[in-house]
């Protein structure tokens, strides 16, 4: 990524490498496939964010990272185009100064919870961040019949409002978003949202309509404190795997 006069300034090579690695980690863990994306708020300019050009996440390299403003437009007019749904990221960053990283995915295990049923719950301690009610963004409520894509600031702002202060929001018939105060934690939450969804499917099948002893709010609050530190352990494993494959 080249710096541009209107940009937030140079970004450390390690930061670019970590963001590119995050894309590959999410692909390797089954959270994204050819679609989906992860971003990082610019470390030195909170009104900017970094995201790859429009490409499959598993192929992203540090050279593919571009810089956008909070209107989700490129700071460098000559930069390659990024994703159509880049507005998801820009509007969440605008609404949530505490968020430093955002993941958008179409994880097959997660999508059913945005379509029907009692909703997603925290099935185990690694998914403690799901203990609060996980909201569902239904694009029809503000925009009627659409192509389902969050492809402008208005739709992104509506999604950000649905997310509120939570870490995860589902998107009806579309996918989900996960966010965090660091890139590592956002990736951790995206991965374990997918894992939790699979566990909840299995649990629902075993329970056959009976009670499910998911985490209570109090248990989840305690577990989430521990997870915030433990997320580094997962990140170090996943990051090392990418390094072994790429050399960066």
C-alpha atoms as a PDB file:
ATOM      1  CA  UNK A   1       0.000   0.000   0.000  1.00  0.00           C
ATOM      2  CA  UNK A   2       1.378   3.400  -1.009  1.00  0.00           C
ATOM      3  CA  UNK A   3       0.835   6.525   1.065  1.00  0.00           C
ATOM      4  CA  UNK A   4      -1.127   9.331  -0.584  1.00  0.00           C
ATOM      5  CA  UNK A   5      -1.224  13.033   0.409  1.00  0.00           C
ATOM      6  CA  UNK A   6      -4.875  12.786   1.490  1.00  0.00           C
ATOM      7  CA  UNK A   7      -4.357   9.564   3.417  1.00  0.00           C
ATOM      8  CA  UNK A   8      -3.705   8.859   7.074  1.00  0.00           C
ATOM      9  CA  UNK A   9      -0.004   8.391   6.364  1.00  0.00           C
ATOM     10  CA  UNK A  10       2.283   5.374   6.115  1.00  0.00           C
ATOM     11  CA  UNK A  11       1.242   2.120   7.755  1.00  0.00           C
ATOM     12  CA  UNK A  12       3.793  -0.231   9.297  1.00  0.00           C
ATOM     13  CA  UNK A  13       4.535  -3.258   7.094  1.00  0.00           C
ATOM     14  CA  UNK A  14       3.736  -5.595   9.998  1.00  0.00           C
ATOM     15  CA  UNK A  15       0.274  -4.054  10.289  1.00  0.00           C
ATOM     16  CA  UNK A  16      -0.417  -4.597   6.597  1.00  0.00           C
ATOM     17  CA  UNK A  17       0.882  -8.165   6.853  1.00  0.00           C
ATOM     18  CA  UNK A  18      -1.365  -8.869   9.854  1.00  0.00           C
ATOM     19  CA  UNK A  19      -4.434  -7.550   8.033  1.00  0.00           C
ATOM     20  CA  UNK A  20      -3.663  -9.647   4.958  1.00  0.00           C
ATOM     21  CA  UNK A  21      -3.070 -12.633   7.236  1.00  0.00           C
ATOM     22  CA  UNK A  22      -6.444 -12.038   8.912  1.00  0.00           C
ATOM     23  CA  UNK A  23      -8.166 -12.500   5.548  1.00  0.00           C
ATOM     24  CA  UNK A  24      -6.382 -15.798   5.030  1.00  0.00           C
ATOM     25  CA  UNK A  25      -7.075 -16.932   8.608  1.00  0.00           C
ATOM     26  CA  UNK A  26     -10.793 -16.331   8.172  1.00  0.00           C
ATOM     27  CA  UNK A  27     -10.761 -18.329   4.954  1.00  0.00           C
ATOM     28  CA  UNK A  28      -8.802 -21.180   6.518  1.00  0.00           C
ATOM     29  CA  UNK A  29     -11.220 -21.348   9.473  1.00  0.00           C
ATOM     30  CA  UNK A  30     -14.286 -21.543   7.211  1.00  0.00           C
ATOM     31  CA  UNK A  31     -15.652 -18.108   8.072  1.00  0.00           C
ATOM     32  CA  UNK A  32     -15.270 -16.671   4.551  1.00  0.00           C
ATOM     33  CA  UNK A  33     -14.828 -18.252   1.139  1.00  0.00           C
ATOM     34  CA  UNK A  34     -14.536 -16.313  -2.113  1.00  0.00           C
ATOM     35  CA  UNK A  35     -16.693 -13.630  -0.468  1.00  0.00           C
ATOM     36  CA  UNK A  36     -16.306 -11.690   2.771  1.00  0.00           C
ATOM     37  CA  UNK A  37     -13.790  -9.177   4.072  1.00  0.00           C
ATOM     38  CA  UNK A  38     -11.974  -7.859   7.133  1.00  0.00           C
ATOM     39  CA  UNK A  39     -10.826  -4.311   7.827  1.00  0.00           C
ATOM     40  CA  UNK A  40      -8.740  -2.370  10.319  1.00  0.00           C
ATOM     41  CA  UNK A  41      -9.136   1.233  11.422  1.00  0.00           C
ATOM     42  CA  UNK A  42      -6.037   3.194  10.419  1.00  0.00           C
ATOM     43  CA  UNK A  43      -3.688   3.118  13.451  1.00  0.00           C
ATOM     44  CA  UNK A  44      -2.806   6.807  13.103  1.00  0.00           C
ATOM     45  CA  UNK A  45      -5.999   8.247  11.587  1.00  0.00           C
ATOM     46  CA  UNK A  46      -9.335   7.207  13.130  1.00  0.00           C
ATOM     47  CA  UNK A  47     -11.218   8.662  10.148  1.00  0.00           C
ATOM     48  CA  UNK A  48      -9.592   6.120   7.800  1.00  0.00           C
ATOM     49  CA  UNK A  49      -9.637   2.359   7.511  1.00  0.00           C
ATOM     50  CA  UNK A  50      -7.657  -0.317   5.720  1.00  0.00           C
ATOM     51  CA  UNK A  51      -9.188  -3.145   3.676  1.00  0.00           C
ATOM     52  CA  UNK A  52      -8.098  -5.228   0.715  1.00  0.00           C
ATOM     53  CA  UNK A  53      -8.996  -4.532  -2.879  1.00  0.00           C
ATOM     54  CA  UNK A  54     -11.912  -6.594  -4.142  1.00  0.00           C
ATOM     55  CA  UNK A  55     -10.610 -10.152  -4.201  1.00  0.00           C
ATOM     56  CA  UNK A  56     -10.987 -13.549  -2.562  1.00  0.00           C
ATOM     57  CA  UNK A  57      -9.838 -13.359   1.087  1.00  0.00           C
ATOM     58  CA  UNK A  58      -7.580 -16.416   0.830  1.00  0.00           C
ATOM     59  CA  UNK A  59      -5.481 -14.650  -1.828  1.00  0.00           C
ATOM     60  CA  UNK A  60      -4.916 -11.304  -0.101  1.00  0.00           C
ATOM     61  CA  UNK A  61      -1.322 -10.070   0.337  1.00  0.00           C
ATOM     62  CA  UNK A  62      -0.021  -6.917   2.061  1.00  0.00           C
ATOM     63  CA  UNK A  63       0.271  -5.240  -1.356  1.00  0.00           C
ATOM     64  CA  UNK A  64      -3.488  -5.599  -1.853  1.00  0.00           C
ATOM     65  CA  UNK A  65      -4.445  -3.339   1.062  1.00  0.00           C
ATOM     66  CA  UNK A  66      -6.076  -0.005   0.238  1.00  0.00           C
ATOM     67  CA  UNK A  67      -7.038   2.929   2.444  1.00  0.00           C
ATOM     68  CA  UNK A  68     -10.554   4.356   2.572  1.00  0.00           C
ATOM     69  CA  UNK A  69     -12.185   7.259   4.378  1.00  0.00           C
ATOM     70  CA  UNK A  70     -15.309   6.881   6.521  1.00  0.00           C
ATOM     71  CA  UNK A  71     -17.466   7.504   3.465  1.00  0.00           C
ATOM     72  CA  UNK A  72     -15.864   4.271   2.259  1.00  0.00           C
ATOM     73  CA  UNK A  73     -14.191   6.021  -0.658  1.00  0.00           C
ATOM     74  CA  UNK A  74     -10.497   5.562  -1.557  1.00  0.00           C
ATOM     75  CA  UNK A  75      -8.051   8.111  -0.224  1.00  0.00           C
ATOM     76  CA  UNK A  76      -5.984   7.555  -3.351  1.00  0.00           C
ATOM     77  CA  UNK A  77      -8.131   8.048  -6.472  1.00  0.00           C
ATOM     78  CA  UNK A  78      -5.819   5.702  -8.351  1.00  0.00           C
ATOM     79  CA  UNK A  79      -6.214   2.848  -5.855  1.00  0.00           C
ATOM     80  CA  UNK A  80      -7.786  -0.390  -7.077  1.00  0.00           C
ATOM     81  CA  UNK A  81     -11.457  -0.806  -6.249  1.00  0.00           C
ATOM     82  CA  UNK A  82     -12.470  -2.376  -2.950  1.00  0.00           C
ATOM     83  CA  UNK A  83     -15.607  -4.326  -2.095  1.00  0.00           C
ATOM     84  CA  UNK A  84     -19.122  -3.204  -2.982  1.00  0.00           C
ATOM     85  CA  UNK A  85     -20.087  -3.682   0.677  1.00  0.00           C
ATOM     86  CA  UNK A  86     -17.188  -1.629   2.054  1.00  0.00           C
ATOM     87  CA  UNK A  87     -19.868   0.661   3.533  1.00  0.00           C
ATOM     88  CA  UNK A  88     -20.449  -1.937   6.263  1.00  0.00           C
ATOM     89  CA  UNK A  89     -17.018  -1.078   7.609  1.00  0.00           C
ATOM     90  CA  UNK A  90     -17.064   2.691   7.143  1.00  0.00           C
ATOM     91  CA  UNK A  91     -20.397   3.165   8.892  1.00  0.00           C
ATOM     92  CA  UNK A  92     -19.546   0.907  11.826  1.00  0.00           C
ATOM     93  CA  UNK A  93     -16.304   2.836  12.336  1.00  0.00           C
ATOM     94  CA  UNK A  94     -18.246   6.101  12.133  1.00  0.00           C
ATOM     95  CA  UNK A  95     -20.792   4.950  14.723  1.00  0.00           C
ATOM     96  CA  UNK A  96     -18.407   3.097  17.041  1.00  0.00           C
ATOM     97  CA  UNK A  97     -15.170   4.914  17.978  1.00  0.00           C
ATOM     98  CA  UNK A  98     -14.237   1.905  20.143  1.00  0.00           C
ATOM     99  CA  UNK A  99     -14.150  -0.486  17.182  1.00  0.00           C
ATOM    100  CA  UNK A 100     -10.784  -1.027  15.517  1.00  0.00           C
ATOM    101  CA  UNK A 101     -11.623  -3.984  13.274  1.00  0.00           C
ATOM    102  CA  UNK A 102     -14.678  -5.339  11.436  1.00  0.00           C
ATOM    103  CA  UNK A 103     -15.328  -8.702   9.746  1.00  0.00           C
ATOM    104  CA  UNK A 104     -18.159  -9.379   7.314  1.00  0.00           C
ATOM    105  CA  UNK A 105     -18.922 -12.959   6.306  1.00  0.00           C
ATOM    106  CA  UNK A 106     -21.568 -15.218   4.783  1.00  0.00           C
ATOM    107  CA  UNK A 107     -20.883 -18.194   7.014  1.00  0.00           C
ATOM    108  CA  UNK A 108     -23.347 -20.980   6.184  1.00  0.00           C
ATOM    109  CA  UNK A 109     -23.656 -22.142   9.793  1.00  0.00           C
ATOM    110  CA  UNK A 110     -24.558 -18.655  10.999  1.00  0.00           C
ATOM    111  CA  UNK A 111     -27.109 -17.602   8.365  1.00  0.00           C
ATOM    112  CA  UNK A 112     -30.013 -19.785   9.644  1.00  0.00           C
ATOM    113  CA  UNK A 113     -30.071 -17.888  12.953  1.00  0.00           C
ATOM    114  CA  UNK A 114     -30.934 -14.706  11.087  1.00  0.00           C
ATOM    115  CA  UNK A 115     -33.859 -16.392   9.336  1.00  0.00           C
ATOM    116  CA  UNK A 116     -35.895 -18.080  12.060  1.00  0.00           C
ATOM    117  CA  UNK A 117     -35.911 -19.618  15.499  1.00  0.00           C
ATOM    118  CA  UNK A 118     -35.006 -18.285  18.945  1.00  0.00           C
ATOM    119  CA  UNK A 119     -31.808 -16.618  17.789  1.00  0.00           C
ATOM    120  CA  UNK A 120     -28.142 -17.195  18.487  1.00  0.00           C
ATOM    121  CA  UNK A 121     -27.015 -17.823  22.077  1.00  0.00           C
ATOM    122  CA  UNK A 122     -23.620 -18.347  23.700  1.00  0.00           C
ATOM    123  CA  UNK A 123     -23.262 -22.125  23.774  1.00  0.00           C
ATOM    124  CA  UNK A 124     -19.863 -22.221  25.440  1.00  0.00           C
ATOM    125  CA  UNK A 125     -17.218 -20.039  27.031  1.00  0.00           C
ATOM    126  CA  UNK A 126     -15.264 -19.152  23.883  1.00  0.00           C
ATOM    127  CA  UNK A 127     -18.421 -17.552  22.510  1.00  0.00           C
ATOM    128  CA  UNK A 128     -19.191 -15.557  25.645  1.00  0.00           C
ATOM    129  CA  UNK A 129     -19.389 -12.358  23.574  1.00  0.00           C
ATOM    130  CA  UNK A 130     -22.705 -13.706  22.194  1.00  0.00           C
ATOM    131  CA  UNK A 131     -24.423 -13.669  25.594  1.00  0.00           C
ATOM    132  CA  UNK A 132     -26.159 -10.356  24.864  1.00  0.00           C
ATOM    133  CA  UNK A 133     -29.073 -10.619  22.469  1.00  0.00           C
ATOM    134  CA  UNK A 134     -27.593 -10.958  18.977  1.00  0.00           C
ATOM    135  CA  UNK A 135     -29.593  -8.550  16.800  1.00  0.00           C
ATOM    136  CA  UNK A 136     -30.742  -9.289  13.268  1.00  0.00           C
ATOM    137  CA  UNK A 137     -30.452  -6.592  10.607  1.00  0.00           C
ATOM    138  CA  UNK A 138     -33.393  -6.885   8.213  1.00  0.00           C
ATOM    139  CA  UNK A 139     -32.720  -4.565   5.305  1.00  0.00           C
ATOM    140  CA  UNK A 140     -36.423  -4.553   4.388  1.00  0.00           C
ATOM    141  CA  UNK A 141     -37.312  -2.508   7.456  1.00  0.00           C
ATOM    142  CA  UNK A 142     -35.639   0.666   6.167  1.00  0.00           C
ATOM    143  CA  UNK A 143     -35.237   0.006   2.448  1.00  0.00           C
ATOM    144  CA  UNK A 144     -37.983  -2.340   1.287  1.00  0.00           C
ATOM    145  CA  UNK A 145     -37.138  -4.878  -1.389  1.00  0.00           C
ATOM    146  CA  UNK A 146     -33.444  -4.671  -2.297  1.00  0.00           C
ATOM    147  CA  UNK A 147     -30.599  -6.766  -3.687  1.00  0.00           C
ATOM    148  CA  UNK A 148     -29.689  -7.438   0.006  1.00  0.00           C
ATOM    149  CA  UNK A 149     -26.334  -5.661  -0.343  1.00  0.00           C
ATOM    150  CA  UNK A 150     -25.064  -2.937   1.997  1.00  0.00           C
ATOM    151  CA  UNK A 151     -23.783  -0.867  -0.879  1.00  0.00           C
ATOM    152  CA  UNK A 152     -24.071   2.733   0.316  1.00  0.00           C
ATOM    153  CA  UNK A 153     -23.710   4.842   3.446  1.00  0.00           C
ATOM    154  CA  UNK A 154     -27.425   4.825   4.283  1.00  0.00           C
ATOM    155  CA  UNK A 155     -27.612   1.022   4.365  1.00  0.00           C
ATOM    156  CA  UNK A 156     -24.340   0.825   6.278  1.00  0.00           C
ATOM    157  CA  UNK A 157     -25.618   3.308   8.846  1.00  0.00           C
ATOM    158  CA  UNK A 158     -28.793   1.262   9.329  1.00  0.00           C
ATOM    159  CA  UNK A 159     -26.728  -1.877   9.904  1.00  0.00           C
ATOM    160  CA  UNK A 160     -24.488  -0.045  12.373  1.00  0.00           C
ATOM    161  CA  UNK A 161     -27.575   1.119  14.278  1.00  0.00           C
ATOM    162  CA  UNK A 162     -28.797  -2.468  14.522  1.00  0.00           C
ATOM    163  CA  UNK A 163     -25.396  -3.597  15.786  1.00  0.00           C
ATOM    164  CA  UNK A 164     -25.476  -0.901  18.462  1.00  0.00           C
ATOM    165  CA  UNK A 165     -22.908  -1.538  21.191  1.00  0.00           C
ATOM    166  CA  UNK A 166     -22.742  -5.294  20.562  1.00  0.00           C
ATOM    167  CA  UNK A 167     -19.899  -7.317  19.066  1.00  0.00           C
ATOM    168  CA  UNK A 168     -21.923  -9.288  16.498  1.00  0.00           C
ATOM    169  CA  UNK A 169     -25.007  -8.695  14.362  1.00  0.00           C
ATOM    170  CA  UNK A 170     -26.685 -11.110  11.987  1.00  0.00           C
ATOM    171  CA  UNK A 171     -27.963 -10.014   8.583  1.00  0.00           C
ATOM    172  CA  UNK A 172     -31.195 -11.664   7.449  1.00  0.00           C
ATOM    173  CA  UNK A 173     -30.678 -13.927   4.416  1.00  0.00           C
ATOM    174  CA  UNK A 174     -27.179 -12.536   4.016  1.00  0.00           C
ATOM    175  CA  UNK A 175     -24.546 -13.128   6.702  1.00  0.00           C
ATOM    176  CA  UNK A 176     -23.127 -11.366   9.730  1.00  0.00           C
ATOM    177  CA  UNK A 177     -20.685  -8.805  11.055  1.00  0.00           C
ATOM    178  CA  UNK A 178     -18.276  -9.142  13.979  1.00  0.00           C
ATOM    179  CA  UNK A 179     -16.177  -6.372  15.429  1.00  0.00           C
ATOM    180  CA  UNK A 180     -13.653  -5.733  18.166  1.00  0.00           C
ATOM    181  CA  UNK A 181     -11.219  -3.276  19.742  1.00  0.00           C
ATOM    182  CA  UNK A 182      -8.328  -5.067  17.994  1.00  0.00           C
ATOM    183  CA  UNK A 183      -7.850  -7.018  14.783  1.00  0.00           C
ATOM    184  CA  UNK A 184      -7.053 -10.133  16.801  1.00  0.00           C
ATOM    185  CA  UNK A 185     -10.253  -9.953  18.815  1.00  0.00           C
ATOM    186  CA  UNK A 186     -12.453  -9.237  15.800  1.00  0.00           C
ATOM    187  CA  UNK A 187     -11.026 -12.300  14.041  1.00  0.00           C
ATOM    188  CA  UNK A 188     -11.456 -14.370  17.217  1.00  0.00           C
ATOM    189  CA  UNK A 189     -15.106 -13.323  17.481  1.00  0.00           C
ATOM    190  CA  UNK A 190     -15.798 -14.035  13.807  1.00  0.00           C
ATOM    191  CA  UNK A 191     -14.241 -17.497  14.056  1.00  0.00           C
ATOM    192  CA  UNK A 192     -16.029 -18.424  17.264  1.00  0.00           C
ATOM    193  CA  UNK A 193     -19.360 -17.079  16.020  1.00  0.00           C
ATOM    194  CA  UNK A 194     -19.085 -19.701  13.276  1.00  0.00           C
ATOM    195  CA  UNK A 195     -18.035 -22.413  15.757  1.00  0.00           C
ATOM    196  CA  UNK A 196     -20.815 -21.448  18.171  1.00  0.00           C
ATOM    197  CA  UNK A 197     -23.370 -21.649  15.361  1.00  0.00           C
ATOM    198  CA  UNK A 198     -22.362 -25.232  14.602  1.00  0.00           C
ATOM    199  CA  UNK A 199     -22.546 -26.167  18.286  1.00  0.00           C
ATOM    200  CA  UNK A 200     -25.970 -24.564  18.592  1.00  0.00           C
ATOM    201  CA  UNK A 201     -27.266 -26.517  15.588  1.00  0.00           C
ATOM    202  CA  UNK A 202     -26.069 -29.772  17.172  1.00  0.00           C
ATOM    203  CA  UNK A 203     -27.425 -28.793  20.599  1.00  0.00           C
ATOM    204  CA  UNK A 204     -30.832 -27.901  19.188  1.00  0.00           C
ATOM    205  CA  UNK A 205     -30.977 -31.303  17.502  1.00  0.00           C
ATOM    206  CA  UNK A 206     -30.021 -33.132  20.704  1.00  0.00           C
ATOM    207  CA  UNK A 207     -32.358 -31.111  22.911  1.00  0.00           C
ATOM    208  CA  UNK A 208     -35.382 -31.826  20.675  1.00  0.00           C
ATOM    209  CA  UNK A 209     -37.195 -28.785  22.008  1.00  0.00           C
ATOM    210  CA  UNK A 210     -36.079 -29.196  25.614  1.00  0.00           C
ATOM    211  CA  UNK A 211     -34.152 -26.734  27.747  1.00  0.00           C
ATOM    212  CA  UNK A 212     -30.636 -25.710  26.682  1.00  0.00           C
ATOM    213  CA  UNK A 213     -28.229 -24.690  29.449  1.00  0.00           C
ATOM    214  CA  UNK A 214     -26.455 -21.951  27.496  1.00  0.00           C
ATOM    215  CA  UNK A 215     -24.233 -19.430  29.270  1.00  0.00           C
ATOM    216  CA  UNK A 216     -25.975 -16.984  31.557  1.00  0.00           C
ATOM    217  CA  UNK A 217     -25.215 -13.292  31.211  1.00  0.00           C
ATOM    218  CA  UNK A 218     -23.134 -13.387  34.405  1.00  0.00           C
ATOM    219  CA  UNK A 219     -21.131 -16.438  33.315  1.00  0.00           C
ATOM    220  CA  UNK A 220     -20.501 -14.878  29.923  1.00  0.00           C
ATOM    221  CA  UNK A 221     -19.255 -11.606  31.387  1.00  0.00           C
ATOM    222  CA  UNK A 222     -16.680 -13.503  33.468  1.00  0.00           C
ATOM    223  CA  UNK A 223     -15.645 -15.761  30.574  1.00  0.00           C
ATOM    224  CA  UNK A 224     -15.306 -12.874  28.142  1.00  0.00           C
ATOM    225  CA  UNK A 225     -12.669 -11.225  30.321  1.00  0.00           C
ATOM    226  CA  UNK A 226     -10.550 -14.381  30.138  1.00  0.00           C
ATOM    227  CA  UNK A 227     -11.192 -14.767  26.401  1.00  0.00           C
ATOM    228  CA  UNK A 228      -9.962 -11.272  25.658  1.00  0.00           C
ATOM    229  CA  UNK A 229      -6.495 -12.335  26.794  1.00  0.00           C
ATOM    230  CA  UNK A 230      -6.683 -15.892  25.487  1.00  0.00           C
ATOM    231  CA  UNK A 231      -7.555 -14.659  21.990  1.00  0.00           C
ATOM    232  CA  UNK A 232      -3.870 -13.846  21.567  1.00  0.00           C
ATOM    233  CA  UNK A 233      -3.031 -17.547  21.845  1.00  0.00           C
ATOM    234  CA  UNK A 234      -5.385 -18.431  18.995  1.00  0.00           C
ATOM    235  CA  UNK A 235      -4.121 -15.532  16.907  1.00  0.00           C
ATOM    236  CA  UNK A 236      -0.490 -16.594  17.354  1.00  0.00           C
ATOM    237  CA  UNK A 237      -1.309 -20.106  16.114  1.00  0.00           C
ATOM    238  CA  UNK A 238      -3.322 -18.913  13.127  1.00  0.00           C
ATOM    239  CA  UNK A 239      -0.786 -16.185  12.281  1.00  0.00           C
ATOM    240  CA  UNK A 240       2.095 -18.687  12.371  1.00  0.00           C
ATOM    241  CA  UNK A 241       0.234 -20.916   9.921  1.00  0.00           C
ATOM    242  CA  UNK A 242      -0.061 -18.041   7.458  1.00  0.00           C
ATOM    243  CA  UNK A 243       3.603 -17.156   7.936  1.00  0.00           C
ATOM    244  CA  UNK A 244       4.601 -20.724   7.164  1.00  0.00           C
ATOM    245  CA  UNK A 245       2.632 -20.528   3.917  1.00  0.00           C
ATOM    246  CA  UNK A 246       3.635 -17.049   2.771  1.00  0.00           C
ATOM    247  CA  UNK A 247       6.830 -15.984   4.522  1.00  0.00           C
ATOM    248  CA  UNK A 248       5.221 -12.766   5.790  1.00  0.00           C
END
